[in-house]
Amino acid sequence: MMELLLPSPEQKLFIPRLNHEIIFKRDDLIHPIVSGNKWRKLKYHLTAFEESKKKCIVSIGGAHSNHLHALSYLCFQLQIPCKLLIYGSPNSTIENNTLQDCLSWGASIDYISRREAKSNFLSYASDDYFIEEGGKGEIAQQGMGELVDELIDFEDNSKTLIAVAYGTGTSVQALLKKTNECHVVTLSPVKNNQLLQHSRLHYLIDYLNLSFAGFSNEYYSKIIAFQKETSILLDPVYTGKLYLNLIHSSINFMNYNKIYFVHSGGLQAWRDYRQRYKDKIIAD
């Protein structure tokens, strides 16, 4: 089995704009490829797959899915047959580093429409183990909940705030289930996403008003500046937006004794992001 850095380290940074310290949970350092919540959400799926005695793992998602990228690599390492159902057409593979990696690791790819997926058009062979889009579900929440157990000197009270990105909502749900009193703050980069409602959950507003995986020179330059100042590279789709909107929010951070920021990995997304916006990006 591949080597994993667990528990992932914590890095404390004083943020002058907030006049407060933020504790970064560096899940991006768990593994160079299977990092962040990707490992945590897939961990118990692998156990369930072994117990199921099924022959192949199947999952579904977009052409730039970090989840599918991580799953393909894990299956390659464990010699598990893997099939990916990708929204789009074979053209999605052209100049797509994510899918090229998946193919190089032996995953097979079928292309489908979102309409087919939503209408339950798809049927899966009895010897296929299916993982939902983004790895979501209760099994994934079990792995994500273990993150809380790793937090050093964690206090489960209303004076503790955890910031985590919102994709499928699995990470958010897991943290809320694992705790009883601490608050969770999040941001969904997906417009019109059906969002979980909870008394301890707070949503940030995207002050940059970017589309999913969107670009602006202001946004890009701030992520790169943060990396130069702290050596922490945030991903361009989820954690970058989460952090910038967190520090620009109207939250009274003095209400919290501890603020944790979950770096959920996904850094491989930078390759396709930079490729997509190469004509707009100002030199780093």
C-alpha atoms as a PDB file:
ATOM      1  CA  MET A   1       0.000   0.000   0.000  1.00  0.00           C
ATOM      2  CA  MET A   2       1.223   3.524  -0.729  1.00  0.00           C
ATOM      3  CA  GLU A   3       2.637   5.712   2.025  1.00  0.00           C
ATOM      4  CA  LEU A   4       0.258   8.252   3.555  1.00  0.00           C
ATOM      5  CA  LEU A   5       1.076  11.141   5.869  1.00  0.00           C
ATOM      6  CA  LEU A   6      -1.467  10.587   8.619  1.00  0.00           C
ATOM      7  CA  PRO A   7      -2.420  12.287  10.744  1.00  0.00           C
ATOM      8  CA  SER A   8      -1.887  15.198   8.403  1.00  0.00           C
ATOM      9  CA  PRO A   9       0.015  18.110   9.985  1.00  0.00           C
ATOM     10  CA  GLU A  10      -1.366  21.380  11.255  1.00  0.00           C
ATOM     11  CA  GLN A  11       0.137  24.740  10.344  1.00  0.00           C
ATOM     12  CA  LYS A  12      -0.687  27.822  12.393  1.00  0.00           C
ATOM     13  CA  LEU A  13      -0.719  31.221  10.717  1.00  0.00           C
ATOM     14  CA  PHE A  14      -1.557  34.611  12.143  1.00  0.00           C
ATOM     15  CA  ILE A  15      -3.756  36.439   9.620  1.00  0.00           C
ATOM     16  CA  PRO A  16      -3.359  40.228  10.114  1.00  0.00           C
ATOM     17  CA  ARG A  17      -6.575  41.033   8.245  1.00  0.00           C
ATOM     18  CA  LEU A  18      -8.517  38.976  10.808  1.00  0.00           C
ATOM     19  CA  ASN A  19      -6.299  39.786  13.784  1.00  0.00           C
ATOM     20  CA  HIS A  20      -6.589  36.087  14.492  1.00  0.00           C
ATOM     21  CA  GLU A  21      -4.706  32.830  14.079  1.00  0.00           C
ATOM     22  CA  ILE A  22      -5.940  30.179  11.654  1.00  0.00           C
ATOM     23  CA  ILE A  23      -4.909  26.548  12.037  1.00  0.00           C
ATOM     24  CA  PHE A  24      -4.542  24.977   8.589  1.00  0.00           C
ATOM     25  CA  LYS A  25      -5.240  21.249   8.560  1.00  0.00           C
ATOM     26  CA  ARG A  26      -2.857  20.237   5.791  1.00  0.00           C
ATOM     27  CA  ASP A  27      -4.755  17.323   4.286  1.00  0.00           C
ATOM     28  CA  ASP A  28      -3.152  18.323   0.981  1.00  0.00           C
ATOM     29  CA  LEU A  29       0.010  16.672   2.348  1.00  0.00           C
ATOM     30  CA  ILE A  30      -1.560  13.247   2.932  1.00  0.00           C
ATOM     31  CA  HIS A  31      -0.309  12.057  -0.463  1.00  0.00           C
ATOM     32  CA  PRO A  32       0.905  13.777  -3.647  1.00  0.00           C
ATOM     33  CA  ILE A  33      -1.987  12.351  -5.698  1.00  0.00           C
ATOM     34  CA  VAL A  34      -4.621  10.986  -3.304  1.00  0.00           C
ATOM     35  CA  SER A  35      -4.778  13.984  -1.008  1.00  0.00           C
ATOM     36  CA  GLY A  36      -7.251  15.730   1.226  1.00  0.00           C
ATOM     37  CA  ASN A  37     -10.837  14.601   1.447  1.00  0.00           C
ATOM     38  CA  LYS A  38     -10.288  12.372  -1.587  1.00  0.00           C
ATOM     39  CA  TRP A  39      -8.417   9.842   0.549  1.00  0.00           C
ATOM     40  CA  ARG A  40     -10.703  10.223   3.541  1.00  0.00           C
ATOM     41  CA  LYS A  41     -13.849   9.690   1.460  1.00  0.00           C
ATOM     42  CA  LEU A  42     -12.461   6.703  -0.422  1.00  0.00           C
ATOM     43  CA  LYS A  43     -10.848   4.920   2.540  1.00  0.00           C
ATOM     44  CA  TYR A  44     -13.904   2.992   3.694  1.00  0.00           C
ATOM     45  CA  HIS A  45     -15.211   2.531   0.167  1.00  0.00           C
ATOM     46  CA  LEU A  46     -12.130   0.400  -0.465  1.00  0.00           C
ATOM     47  CA  THR A  47     -12.933  -1.703   2.583  1.00  0.00           C
ATOM     48  CA  ALA A  48     -16.558  -2.065   1.496  1.00  0.00           C
ATOM     49  CA  PHE A  49     -15.434  -3.049  -2.001  1.00  0.00           C
ATOM     50  CA  GLU A  50     -13.213  -5.820  -0.641  1.00  0.00           C
ATOM     51  CA  GLU A  51     -16.030  -7.124   1.560  1.00  0.00           C
ATOM     52  CA  SER A  52     -18.498  -7.016  -1.345  1.00  0.00           C
ATOM     53  CA  LYS A  53     -16.417  -9.486  -3.383  1.00  0.00           C
ATOM     54  CA  LYS A  54     -17.277  -7.457  -6.494  1.00  0.00           C
ATOM     55  CA  LYS A  55     -14.877  -7.230  -9.400  1.00  0.00           C
ATOM     56  CA  CYS A  56     -14.757  -3.603 -10.507  1.00  0.00           C
ATOM     57  CA  ILE A  57     -15.185  -0.126  -9.029  1.00  0.00           C
ATOM     58  CA  VAL A  58     -17.358   2.274 -11.035  1.00  0.00           C
ATOM     59  CA  SER A  59     -17.825   5.970 -10.346  1.00  0.00           C
ATOM     60  CA  ILE A  60     -19.151   9.028 -12.111  1.00  0.00           C
ATOM     61  CA  GLY A  61     -18.243  12.690 -12.494  1.00  0.00           C
ATOM     62  CA  GLY A  62     -16.974  15.534 -14.615  1.00  0.00           C
ATOM     63  CA  ALA A  63     -13.926  15.524 -16.866  1.00  0.00           C
ATOM     64  CA  HIS A  64     -11.847  17.386 -14.255  1.00  0.00           C
ATOM     65  CA  SER A  65     -12.975  15.423 -11.191  1.00  0.00           C
ATOM     66  CA  ASN A  66     -10.383  15.206  -8.419  1.00  0.00           C
ATOM     67  CA  HIS A  67     -12.370  12.310  -6.980  1.00  0.00           C
ATOM     68  CA  LEU A  68     -12.086  10.258 -10.178  1.00  0.00           C
ATOM     69  CA  HIS A  69      -8.414  11.146 -10.484  1.00  0.00           C
ATOM     70  CA  ALA A  70      -7.703   9.877  -6.958  1.00  0.00           C
ATOM     71  CA  LEU A  71      -9.895   6.792  -7.413  1.00  0.00           C
ATOM     72  CA  SER A  72      -8.118   5.812 -10.636  1.00  0.00           C
ATOM     73  CA  TYR A  73      -4.734   6.037  -8.953  1.00  0.00           C
ATOM     74  CA  LEU A  74      -5.846   3.988  -5.946  1.00  0.00           C
ATOM     75  CA  CYS A  75      -7.288   1.300  -8.194  1.00  0.00           C
ATOM     76  CA  PHE A  76      -4.048   1.266 -10.187  1.00  0.00           C
ATOM     77  CA  GLN A  77      -2.004   0.816  -7.013  1.00  0.00           C
ATOM     78  CA  LEU A  78      -4.301  -1.904  -5.674  1.00  0.00           C
ATOM     79  CA  GLN A  79      -4.793  -3.584  -9.075  1.00  0.00           C
ATOM     80  CA  ILE A  80      -8.566  -3.081  -8.988  1.00  0.00           C
ATOM     81  CA  PRO A  81     -10.407  -2.740 -12.328  1.00  0.00           C
ATOM     82  CA  CYS A  82     -11.865   0.765 -12.560  1.00  0.00           C
ATOM     83  CA  LYS A  83     -14.496   2.262 -14.858  1.00  0.00           C
ATOM     84  CA  LEU A  84     -15.226   5.996 -15.019  1.00  0.00           C
ATOM     85  CA  LEU A  85     -18.500   7.446 -16.306  1.00  0.00           C
ATOM     86  CA  ILE A  86     -17.653  10.930 -17.553  1.00  0.00           C
ATOM     87  CA  TYR A  87     -20.143  13.691 -18.332  1.00  0.00           C
ATOM     88  CA  GLY A  88     -19.478  14.845 -21.875  1.00  0.00           C
ATOM     89  CA  SER A  89     -17.951  13.372 -25.008  1.00  0.00           C
ATOM     90  CA  PRO A  90     -14.610  11.854 -26.031  1.00  0.00           C
ATOM     91  CA  ASN A  91     -13.508  15.399 -26.847  1.00  0.00           C
ATOM     92  CA  SER A  92     -13.344  15.882 -23.065  1.00  0.00           C
ATOM     93  CA  THR A  93     -10.115  13.882 -23.058  1.00  0.00           C
ATOM     94  CA  ILE A  94      -8.245  16.192 -25.419  1.00  0.00           C
ATOM     95  CA  GLU A  95      -5.684  18.287 -23.502  1.00  0.00           C
ATOM     96  CA  ASN A  96      -7.222  17.075 -20.236  1.00  0.00           C
ATOM     97  CA  ASN A  97      -4.457  16.121 -17.811  1.00  0.00           C
ATOM     98  CA  THR A  98      -6.910  14.630 -15.331  1.00  0.00           C
ATOM     99  CA  LEU A  99      -8.373  12.107 -17.758  1.00  0.00           C
ATOM    100  CA  GLN A 100      -5.024  11.394 -19.381  1.00  0.00           C
ATOM    101  CA  ASP A 101      -3.707  10.368 -15.955  1.00  0.00           C
ATOM    102  CA  CYS A 102      -6.754   8.171 -15.351  1.00  0.00           C
ATOM    103  CA  LEU A 103      -6.244   6.405 -18.669  1.00  0.00           C
ATOM    104  CA  SER A 104      -2.535   5.935 -18.006  1.00  0.00           C
ATOM    105  CA  TRP A 105      -3.438   4.193 -14.734  1.00  0.00           C
ATOM    106  CA  GLY A 106      -5.622   1.721 -16.602  1.00  0.00           C
ATOM    107  CA  ALA A 107      -9.090   3.127 -15.939  1.00  0.00           C
ATOM    108  CA  SER A 108     -11.650   2.675 -18.710  1.00  0.00           C
ATOM    109  CA  ILE A 109     -13.876   5.605 -19.620  1.00  0.00           C
ATOM    110  CA  ASP A 110     -17.460   5.740 -20.862  1.00  0.00           C
ATOM    111  CA  TYR A 111     -19.036   9.083 -21.755  1.00  0.00           C
ATOM    112  CA  ILE A 112     -22.604   9.893 -20.730  1.00  0.00           C
ATOM    113  CA  SER A 113     -24.893  12.905 -20.517  1.00  0.00           C
ATOM    114  CA  ARG A 114     -26.064  14.412 -17.251  1.00  0.00           C
ATOM    115  CA  ARG A 115     -29.600  13.711 -18.405  1.00  0.00           C
ATOM    116  CA  GLU A 116     -28.842  10.001 -18.588  1.00  0.00           C
ATOM    117  CA  ALA A 117     -27.427  10.058 -15.080  1.00  0.00           C
ATOM    118  CA  LYS A 118     -30.330  12.024 -13.599  1.00  0.00           C
ATOM    119  CA  SER A 119     -32.959   9.839 -15.224  1.00  0.00           C
ATOM    120  CA  ASN A 120     -31.366   6.685 -13.785  1.00  0.00           C
ATOM    121  CA  PHE A 121     -30.833   5.504 -17.343  1.00  0.00           C
ATOM    122  CA  LEU A 122     -27.641   3.772 -16.310  1.00  0.00           C
ATOM    123  CA  SER A 123     -27.536   0.226 -15.045  1.00  0.00           C
ATOM    124  CA  TYR A 124     -24.546  -1.370 -13.378  1.00  0.00           C
ATOM    125  CA  ALA A 125     -23.423  -4.954 -13.541  1.00  0.00           C
ATOM    126  CA  SER A 126     -23.986  -7.006 -10.422  1.00  0.00           C
ATOM    127  CA  ASP A 127     -20.252  -7.399  -9.945  1.00  0.00           C
ATOM    128  CA  ASP A 128     -19.562  -3.642 -10.088  1.00  0.00           C
ATOM    129  CA  TYR A 129     -19.132  -1.612  -6.898  1.00  0.00           C
ATOM    130  CA  PHE A 130     -20.588   1.852  -7.534  1.00  0.00           C
ATOM    131  CA  ILE A 131     -19.371   5.038  -5.817  1.00  0.00           C
ATOM    132  CA  GLU A 132     -21.509   8.142  -6.187  1.00  0.00           C
ATOM    133  CA  GLU A 133     -20.259  11.352  -7.748  1.00  0.00           C
ATOM    134  CA  GLY A 134     -17.556  12.987  -5.654  1.00  0.00           C
ATOM    135  CA  GLY A 135     -17.393   9.896  -3.450  1.00  0.00           C
ATOM    136  CA  LYS A 136     -20.334  11.160  -1.423  1.00  0.00           C
ATOM    137  CA  GLY A 137     -22.405   9.103   0.976  1.00  0.00           C
ATOM    138  CA  GLU A 138     -22.395   7.802   4.540  1.00  0.00           C
ATOM    139  CA  ILE A 139     -19.344   5.609   3.966  1.00  0.00           C
ATOM    140  CA  ALA A 140     -17.395   8.674   2.876  1.00  0.00           C
ATOM    141  CA  GLN A 141     -18.621  10.640   5.884  1.00  0.00           C
ATOM    142  CA  GLN A 142     -17.135   7.992   8.154  1.00  0.00           C
ATOM    143  CA  GLY A 143     -13.668   8.679   6.808  1.00  0.00           C
ATOM    144  CA  MET A 144     -14.094  12.459   6.847  1.00  0.00           C
ATOM    145  CA  GLY A 145     -15.227  12.368  10.462  1.00  0.00           C
ATOM    146  CA  GLU A 146     -11.833  10.994  11.469  1.00  0.00           C
ATOM    147  CA  LEU A 147     -10.323  14.378  10.622  1.00  0.00           C
ATOM    148  CA  VAL A 148     -11.827  15.798  13.826  1.00  0.00           C
ATOM    149  CA  ASP A 149     -10.116  13.094  15.897  1.00  0.00           C
ATOM    150  CA  GLU A 150      -6.758  14.282  14.534  1.00  0.00           C
ATOM    151  CA  LEU A 151      -7.151  17.959  15.452  1.00  0.00           C
ATOM    152  CA  ILE A 152      -4.698  18.877  18.195  1.00  0.00           C
ATOM    153  CA  ASP A 153      -6.283  20.358  21.338  1.00  0.00           C
ATOM    154  CA  PHE A 154      -9.663  20.442  19.615  1.00  0.00           C
ATOM    155  CA  GLU A 155     -12.519  21.748  21.752  1.00  0.00           C
ATOM    156  CA  ASP A 156     -16.054  20.949  20.632  1.00  0.00           C
ATOM    157  CA  ASN A 157     -17.803  24.136  21.670  1.00  0.00           C
ATOM    158  CA  SER A 158     -19.377  27.202  20.114  1.00  0.00           C
ATOM    159  CA  LYS A 159     -16.036  29.038  20.310  1.00  0.00           C
ATOM    160  CA  THR A 160     -14.526  26.753  17.666  1.00  0.00           C
ATOM    161  CA  LEU A 161     -14.964  27.331  13.921  1.00  0.00           C
ATOM    162  CA  ILE A 162     -14.053  24.916  11.126  1.00  0.00           C
ATOM    163  CA  ALA A 163     -13.844  26.176   7.537  1.00  0.00           C
ATOM    164  CA  VAL A 164     -14.278  23.509   4.867  1.00  0.00           C
ATOM    165  CA  ALA A 165     -15.172  23.658   1.167  1.00  0.00           C
ATOM    166  CA  TYR A 166     -18.567  22.476  -0.089  1.00  0.00           C
ATOM    167  CA  GLY A 167     -18.625  20.173  -3.110  1.00  0.00           C
ATOM    168  CA  THR A 168     -21.096  17.340  -2.647  1.00  0.00           C
ATOM    169  CA  GLY A 169     -21.620  18.384   0.972  1.00  0.00           C
ATOM    170  CA  THR A 170     -20.090  15.168   2.313  1.00  0.00           C
ATOM    171  CA  SER A 171     -17.278  16.868   4.226  1.00  0.00           C
ATOM    172  CA  VAL A 172     -19.639  19.393   5.775  1.00  0.00           C
ATOM    173  CA  GLN A 173     -22.110  16.695   6.822  1.00  0.00           C
ATOM    174  CA  ALA A 174     -19.346  14.581   8.307  1.00  0.00           C
ATOM    175  CA  LEU A 175     -17.977  17.425  10.440  1.00  0.00           C
ATOM    176  CA  LEU A 176     -21.436  18.351  11.710  1.00  0.00           C
ATOM    177  CA  LYS A 177     -22.222  14.730  12.595  1.00  0.00           C
ATOM    178  CA  LYS A 178     -18.890  14.273  14.355  1.00  0.00           C
ATOM    179  CA  THR A 179     -19.306  17.374  16.533  1.00  0.00           C
ATOM    180  CA  ASN A 180     -22.013  18.684  18.810  1.00  0.00           C
ATOM    181  CA  GLU A 181     -21.345  22.386  19.326  1.00  0.00           C
ATOM    182  CA  CYS A 182     -18.590  23.760  17.097  1.00  0.00           C
ATOM    183  CA  HIS A 183     -19.543  25.897  14.107  1.00  0.00           C
ATOM    184  CA  VAL A 184     -18.769  25.116  10.463  1.00  0.00           C
ATOM    185  CA  VAL A 185     -18.370  27.714   7.721  1.00  0.00           C
ATOM    186  CA  THR A 186     -18.341  26.826   4.049  1.00  0.00           C
ATOM    187  CA  LEU A 187     -18.606  28.035   0.471  1.00  0.00           C
ATOM    188  CA  SER A 188     -20.070  26.213  -2.501  1.00  0.00           C
ATOM    189  CA  PRO A 189     -18.457  27.203  -5.812  1.00  0.00           C
ATOM    190  CA  VAL A 190     -21.344  25.497  -7.607  1.00  0.00           C
ATOM    191  CA  LYS A 191     -24.111  27.988  -8.361  1.00  0.00           C
ATOM    192  CA  ASN A 192     -27.676  26.851  -7.536  1.00  0.00           C
ATOM    193  CA  ASN A 193     -26.359  23.909  -5.537  1.00  0.00           C
ATOM    194  CA  GLN A 194     -28.939  22.344  -3.201  1.00  0.00           C
ATOM    195  CA  LEU A 195     -27.311  23.215   0.077  1.00  0.00           C
ATOM    196  CA  LEU A 196     -27.596  21.581   3.467  1.00  0.00           C
ATOM    197  CA  GLN A 197     -29.235  23.679   6.170  1.00  0.00           C
ATOM    198  CA  HIS A 198     -28.076  23.365   9.781  1.00  0.00           C
ATOM    199  CA  SER A 199     -28.096  25.621  12.834  1.00  0.00           C
ATOM    200  CA  ARG A 200     -24.291  25.383  13.189  1.00  0.00           C
ATOM    201  CA  LEU A 201     -23.544  25.791   9.485  1.00  0.00           C
ATOM    202  CA  HIS A 202     -22.782  29.178   7.926  1.00  0.00           C
ATOM    203  CA  TYR A 203     -22.384  29.996   4.228  1.00  0.00           C
ATOM    204  CA  LEU A 204     -19.985  32.529   2.775  1.00  0.00           C
ATOM    205  CA  ILE A 205     -20.884  34.764  -0.149  1.00  0.00           C
ATOM    206  CA  ASP A 206     -18.467  34.792  -3.076  1.00  0.00           C
ATOM    207  CA  TYR A 207     -17.474  38.454  -3.188  1.00  0.00           C
ATOM    208  CA  LEU A 208     -15.579  37.818  -6.452  1.00  0.00           C
ATOM    209  CA  ASN A 209     -18.752  36.323  -7.998  1.00  0.00           C
ATOM    210  CA  LEU A 210     -16.843  33.729 -10.001  1.00  0.00           C
ATOM    211  CA  SER A 211     -18.360  30.814 -11.866  1.00  0.00           C
ATOM    212  CA  PHE A 212     -17.373  27.253 -10.991  1.00  0.00           C
ATOM    213  CA  ALA A 213     -13.637  26.947 -11.739  1.00  0.00           C
ATOM    214  CA  GLY A 214     -13.834  30.573 -12.882  1.00  0.00           C
ATOM    215  CA  PHE A 215     -10.933  32.978 -13.275  1.00  0.00           C
ATOM    216  CA  SER A 216     -10.053  36.574 -12.570  1.00  0.00           C
ATOM    217  CA  ASN A 217      -6.590  38.071 -12.296  1.00  0.00           C
ATOM    218  CA  GLU A 218      -7.453  39.379  -8.836  1.00  0.00           C
ATOM    219  CA  TYR A 219      -8.394  35.897  -7.658  1.00  0.00           C
ATOM    220  CA  TYR A 220      -5.400  34.205  -9.249  1.00  0.00           C
ATOM    221  CA  SER A 221      -2.867  36.762  -8.004  1.00  0.00           C
ATOM    222  CA  LYS A 222      -4.167  36.530  -4.427  1.00  0.00           C
ATOM    223  CA  ILE A 223      -3.801  32.752  -4.354  1.00  0.00           C
ATOM    224  CA  ILE A 224      -0.231  32.998  -5.691  1.00  0.00           C
ATOM    225  CA  ALA A 225       0.605  35.789  -3.228  1.00  0.00           C
ATOM    226  CA  PHE A 226      -0.692  33.655  -0.358  1.00  0.00           C
ATOM    227  CA  GLN A 227       1.509  30.776  -1.489  1.00  0.00           C
ATOM    228  CA  LYS A 228       4.589  33.009  -1.587  1.00  0.00           C
ATOM    229  CA  GLU A 229       3.851  34.320   1.909  1.00  0.00           C
ATOM    230  CA  THR A 230       3.013  30.993   3.557  1.00  0.00           C
ATOM    231  CA  SER A 231       4.225  28.140   1.283  1.00  0.00           C
ATOM    232  CA  ILE A 232       0.613  26.916   1.202  1.00  0.00           C
ATOM    233  CA  LEU A 233      -0.802  26.472  -2.299  1.00  0.00           C
ATOM    234  CA  LEU A 234      -4.589  26.427  -2.296  1.00  0.00           C
ATOM    235  CA  ASP A 235      -6.462  24.771  -5.134  1.00  0.00           C
ATOM    236  CA  PRO A 236      -8.134  27.092  -7.682  1.00  0.00           C
ATOM    237  CA  VAL A 237     -11.657  25.647  -7.472  1.00  0.00           C
ATOM    238  CA  TYR A 238     -12.468  25.013  -3.813  1.00  0.00           C
ATOM    239  CA  THR A 239      -9.990  26.016  -1.100  1.00  0.00           C
ATOM    240  CA  GLY A 240      -8.785  29.136  -2.881  1.00  0.00           C
ATOM    241  CA  LYS A 241     -12.306  30.527  -2.988  1.00  0.00           C
ATOM    242  CA  LEU A 242     -13.020  29.359   0.537  1.00  0.00           C
ATOM    243  CA  TYR A 243     -10.015  31.119   2.028  1.00  0.00           C
ATOM    244  CA  LEU A 244     -10.364  34.433   0.182  1.00  0.00           C
ATOM    245  CA  ASN A 245     -14.067  34.681   0.952  1.00  0.00           C
ATOM    246  CA  LEU A 246     -13.444  33.710   4.565  1.00  0.00           C
ATOM    247  CA  ILE A 247     -11.010  36.553   5.192  1.00  0.00           C
ATOM    248  CA  HIS A 248     -13.257  39.020   3.324  1.00  0.00           C
ATOM    249  CA  SER A 249     -16.402  37.948   5.169  1.00  0.00           C
ATOM    250  CA  SER A 250     -18.308  39.863   7.821  1.00  0.00           C
ATOM    251  CA  ILE A 251     -17.784  37.140  10.420  1.00  0.00           C
ATOM    252  CA  ASN A 252     -16.727  38.428  13.834  1.00  0.00           C
ATOM    253  CA  PHE A 253     -13.707  36.179  14.281  1.00  0.00           C
ATOM    254  CA  MET A 254     -13.214  37.416  17.842  1.00  0.00           C
ATOM    255  CA  ASN A 255     -16.204  35.235  18.745  1.00  0.00           C
ATOM    256  CA  TYR A 256     -14.001  32.180  18.199  1.00  0.00           C
ATOM    257  CA  ASN A 257     -11.060  30.930  20.237  1.00  0.00           C
ATOM    258  CA  LYS A 258      -9.912  28.568  17.485  1.00  0.00           C
ATOM    259  CA  ILE A 259     -10.381  28.636  13.737  1.00  0.00           C
ATOM    260  CA  TYR A 260      -9.469  25.591  11.652  1.00  0.00           C
ATOM    261  CA  PHE A 261      -9.157  25.627   7.877  1.00  0.00           C
ATOM    262  CA  VAL A 262      -9.361  22.245   6.128  1.00  0.00           C
ATOM    263  CA  HIS A 263      -7.092  22.110   3.086  1.00  0.00           C
ATOM    264  CA  SER A 264      -8.903  19.414   1.123  1.00  0.00           C
ATOM    265  CA  GLY A 265      -6.206  18.911  -1.526  1.00  0.00           C
ATOM    266  CA  GLY A 266      -7.158  18.839  -5.193  1.00  0.00           C
ATOM    267  CA  LEU A 267      -3.950  20.546  -6.280  1.00  0.00           C
ATOM    268  CA  GLN A 268      -3.731  18.494  -9.466  1.00  0.00           C
ATOM    269  CA  ALA A 269      -6.520  20.754 -10.770  1.00  0.00           C
ATOM    270  CA  TRP A 270      -3.955  23.500 -11.307  1.00  0.00           C
ATOM    271  CA  ARG A 271      -2.654  21.859 -14.490  1.00  0.00           C
ATOM    272  CA  ASP A 272      -5.922  22.042 -16.391  1.00  0.00           C
ATOM    273  CA  TYR A 273      -6.827  25.376 -14.774  1.00  0.00           C
ATOM    274  CA  ARG A 274      -3.632  27.016 -15.987  1.00  0.00           C
ATOM    275  CA  GLN A 275      -4.050  25.407 -19.392  1.00  0.00           C
ATOM    276  CA  ARG A 276      -7.596  26.738 -19.691  1.00  0.00           C
ATOM    277  CA  TYR A 277      -6.660  30.300 -18.737  1.00  0.00           C
ATOM    278  CA  LYS A 278      -3.116  30.456 -20.145  1.00  0.00           C
ATOM    279  CA  ASP A 279      -3.984  33.477 -22.286  1.00  0.00           C
ATOM    280  CA  LYS A 280      -5.309  35.411 -19.286  1.00  0.00           C
ATOM    281  CA  ILE A 281      -2.814  34.563 -16.575  1.00  0.00           C
ATOM    282  CA  ILE A 282      -0.243  37.219 -15.777  1.00  0.00           C
ATOM    283  CA  ALA A 283       3.181  35.712 -15.100  1.00  0.00           C
ATOM    284  CA  ASP A 284       3.592  34.568 -11.478  1.00  0.00           C
END
